[in-house]
Amino acid sequence: MGRLLCLIVLLGLNVGCVRVNFNFTGGNVDATLSTLFVDKFSNEADIVIPYLAQEVSQQLQERFLSQSRLTLTSGAADVSLSGSIVRFSVLPVAIQSSQTGVNSAAQNRLSIEVRVQFKNNVNPDDGWEQVFRGFTDFDADEDFSRVEREKINLVLEQITQDVFSKSIGKW
């Protein structure tokens, strides 16, 4: 009986020593990585939005800085991101008929595709290149020029989260 009580006490003490870490800021960055460089993205899409390449670079920087312990550098870095915008489009996705029998768009879709190259200079085998796609739908009645920045930001949130998760998020 004494041994059983001792075993229960030891197991209780052992369970009390177990430590579980959860990180809700985006993942688990390799401890050997400390610096990040995000190169300015180029715009190779047929439709060029003048500020979009800079916005992609900036949002990637913000995502990595806010969701990891990496620090930004302008020179050699442990990890680096570069790439280009390869597609930007606004196309109808839902058609509606009017009382006059003429079909028109009910909803439009903003789609953006970004090719990203991720280099891990500490662990080169962790590098990759991939195209990331994001989109958002909006009413065709909306004036796109009025909602352009908002819709682009929504799409870039999707894309930057996907890039982060693929890179070092390790979810």
Protein backbone atom coordinates (compact mmCIF):
# COMPACT_ATOMS: atom_id res chain seq x y z
CA MET A 1 0.00 0.00 0.00
CA GLY A 2 2.88 2.34 0.80
CA ARG A 3 4.49 1.72 -2.57
CA LEU A 4 1.24 2.48 -4.38
CA LEU A 5 0.89 5.74 -2.47
CA CYS A 6 4.52 6.64 -3.30
CA LEU A 7 3.93 5.87 -6.98
CA ILE A 8 0.82 8.06 -7.06
CA VAL A 9 2.66 10.92 -5.38
CA LEU A 10 5.60 10.62 -7.80
CA LEU A 11 3.29 10.56 -10.81
CA GLY A 12 1.46 13.60 -9.45
CA LEU A 13 4.75 15.47 -9.04
CA ASN A 14 5.88 14.45 -12.52
CA VAL A 15 2.63 15.63 -14.14
CA GLY A 16 3.01 18.91 -12.29
CA CYS A 17 6.38 19.41 -13.99
CA VAL A 18 5.08 18.96 -17.52
CA ARG A 19 5.10 22.25 -19.36
CA VAL A 20 3.09 22.90 -22.47
CA ASN A 21 3.78 25.96 -24.60
CA PHE A 22 1.17 27.43 -26.87
CA ASN A 23 1.96 30.36 -29.10
CA PHE A 24 -1.02 32.16 -30.58
CA THR A 25 1.03 34.72 -32.45
CA GLY A 26 1.55 32.61 -35.53
CA GLY A 27 3.84 29.74 -34.90
CA ASN A 28 7.13 28.45 -33.74
CA VAL A 29 10.24 30.04 -35.26
CA ASP A 30 13.41 27.99 -35.37
CA ALA A 31 15.63 29.22 -32.52
CA THR A 32 18.60 29.56 -34.88
CA LEU A 33 16.78 32.24 -36.91
CA SER A 34 16.91 35.86 -35.78
CA THR A 35 16.98 38.20 -38.79
CA LEU A 36 14.70 38.81 -41.76
CA PHE A 37 15.13 40.64 -45.05
CA VAL A 38 12.15 41.38 -47.30
CA ASP A 39 13.18 42.56 -50.73
CA LYS A 40 10.96 44.95 -52.67
CA PHE A 41 8.59 42.88 -54.75
CA SER A 42 8.28 43.59 -58.46
CA ASN A 43 5.04 43.85 -60.42
CA GLU A 44 4.84 41.58 -63.46
CA ALA A 45 1.03 41.49 -63.70
CA ASP A 46 -0.77 42.69 -66.82
CA ILE A 47 -2.58 45.25 -64.70
CA VAL A 48 -0.13 47.28 -62.63
CA ILE A 49 -1.40 49.02 -59.52
CA PRO A 50 1.39 51.52 -58.72
CA TYR A 51 1.50 51.00 -54.95
CA LEU A 52 0.84 47.25 -54.88
CA ALA A 53 4.44 45.96 -55.00
CA GLN A 54 5.42 48.17 -52.07
CA GLU A 55 2.27 47.13 -50.19
CA VAL A 56 3.09 43.43 -50.60
CA SER A 57 6.62 43.96 -49.27
CA GLN A 58 5.40 46.09 -46.36
CA GLN A 59 2.63 43.71 -45.32
CA LEU A 60 5.00 40.75 -45.40
CA GLN A 61 7.43 42.65 -43.16
CA GLU A 62 4.63 43.54 -40.75
CA ARG A 63 3.32 39.96 -40.65
CA PHE A 64 6.71 38.45 -39.86
CA LEU A 65 7.64 41.13 -37.33
CA SER A 66 4.31 40.90 -35.50
CA GLN A 67 4.04 37.09 -35.52
CA SER A 68 7.63 36.08 -34.87
CA ARG A 69 10.66 37.21 -32.92
CA LEU A 70 12.61 37.97 -36.10
CA THR A 71 14.14 41.41 -36.50
CA LEU A 72 14.29 43.26 -39.78
CA THR A 73 17.64 43.89 -41.44
CA SER A 74 18.64 45.54 -44.69
CA GLY A 75 21.66 43.34 -45.35
CA ALA A 76 22.45 39.66 -45.02
CA ALA A 77 19.75 37.88 -43.03
CA ASP A 78 18.96 34.43 -41.70
CA VAL A 79 15.82 34.32 -43.86
CA SER A 80 14.81 36.41 -46.84
CA LEU A 81 11.71 36.88 -48.95
CA SER A 82 11.56 38.13 -52.51
CA GLY A 83 9.21 37.78 -55.41
CA SER A 84 6.74 39.39 -57.74
CA ILE A 85 3.08 40.05 -58.31
CA VAL A 86 2.16 37.82 -61.24
CA ARG A 87 -1.57 38.47 -61.52
CA PHE A 88 -4.05 41.18 -60.59
CA SER A 89 -7.60 40.96 -61.88
CA VAL A 90 -11.13 42.12 -61.22
CA LEU A 91 -13.63 39.86 -62.96
CA PRO A 92 -17.37 39.12 -62.64
CA VAL A 93 -18.18 35.95 -60.71
CA ALA A 94 -21.97 36.09 -60.40
CA ILE A 95 -24.37 37.10 -63.15
CA GLN A 96 -27.85 38.49 -62.65
CA SER A 97 -30.69 39.10 -65.09
CA SER A 98 -32.46 42.40 -65.19
CA GLN A 99 -36.13 43.02 -65.97
CA THR A 100 -35.10 44.02 -69.49
CA GLY A 101 -33.49 40.62 -70.03
CA VAL A 102 -29.95 41.96 -70.06
CA ASN A 103 -27.44 40.03 -67.97
CA SER A 104 -24.96 41.89 -65.81
CA ALA A 105 -22.50 41.15 -63.05
CA ALA A 106 -23.94 40.81 -59.56
CA GLN A 107 -20.55 40.30 -57.93
CA ASN A 108 -16.97 40.88 -58.93
CA ARG A 109 -13.86 39.12 -57.65
CA LEU A 110 -10.53 40.76 -56.98
CA SER A 111 -7.77 38.16 -57.38
CA ILE A 112 -4.08 38.62 -56.70
CA GLU A 113 -1.30 36.09 -57.24
CA VAL A 114 2.16 36.59 -55.78
CA ARG A 115 5.23 34.45 -56.51
CA VAL A 116 7.36 34.25 -53.37
CA GLN A 117 10.86 32.92 -52.95
CA PHE A 118 11.81 32.06 -49.36
CA LYS A 119 15.50 31.56 -48.59
CA ASN A 120 16.67 30.19 -45.30
CA ASN A 121 20.38 30.93 -45.11
CA VAL A 122 20.78 28.95 -41.87
CA ASN A 123 18.97 25.83 -43.14
CA PRO A 124 19.08 26.03 -46.96
CA ASP A 125 16.93 22.90 -47.36
CA ASP A 126 14.00 24.87 -45.89
CA GLY A 127 13.94 27.26 -48.87
CA TRP A 128 11.17 27.20 -51.48
CA GLU A 129 9.39 29.12 -54.23
CA GLN A 130 5.61 29.14 -54.64
CA VAL A 131 2.73 31.18 -56.07
CA PHE A 132 0.19 32.29 -53.47
CA ARG A 133 -3.34 33.25 -54.46
CA GLY A 134 -5.97 35.27 -52.66
CA PHE A 135 -9.29 36.82 -53.58
CA THR A 136 -12.29 38.67 -52.26
CA ASP A 137 -15.73 39.16 -53.77
CA PHE A 138 -17.70 42.39 -53.71
CA ASP A 139 -20.96 43.73 -55.11
CA ALA A 140 -20.71 44.83 -58.71
CA ASP A 141 -22.61 47.99 -57.73
CA GLU A 142 -19.64 49.12 -55.64
CA ASP A 143 -17.29 51.60 -57.26
CA PHE A 144 -14.01 49.68 -57.22
CA SER A 145 -11.93 52.83 -57.10
CA ARG A 146 -13.57 53.64 -53.74
CA VAL A 147 -13.00 50.21 -52.19
CA GLU A 148 -9.77 49.28 -53.98
CA ARG A 149 -7.37 49.70 -51.03
CA GLU A 150 -9.71 47.95 -48.60
CA LYS A 151 -10.19 44.97 -50.94
CA ILE A 152 -6.49 44.75 -51.76
CA ASN A 153 -5.67 44.74 -48.03
CA LEU A 154 -8.14 41.89 -47.46
CA VAL A 155 -6.50 39.81 -50.16
CA LEU A 156 -2.99 40.62 -48.96
CA GLU A 157 -3.93 39.55 -45.43
CA GLN A 158 -4.77 36.10 -46.82
CA ILE A 159 -1.61 35.89 -48.88
CA THR A 160 0.78 37.12 -46.17
CA GLN A 161 -0.69 34.68 -43.64
CA ASP A 162 -0.24 31.82 -46.11
CA VAL A 163 3.36 32.89 -46.81
CA PHE A 164 4.11 33.12 -43.09
CA SER A 165 2.57 29.72 -42.38
CA LYS A 166 4.52 28.09 -45.21
CA SER A 167 7.78 29.80 -44.21
CA ILE A 168 8.25 29.55 -40.51
CA GLY A 169 4.79 29.32 -38.98
CA LYS A 170 5.18 25.54 -38.58
CA TRP A 171 1.54 24.96 -37.76
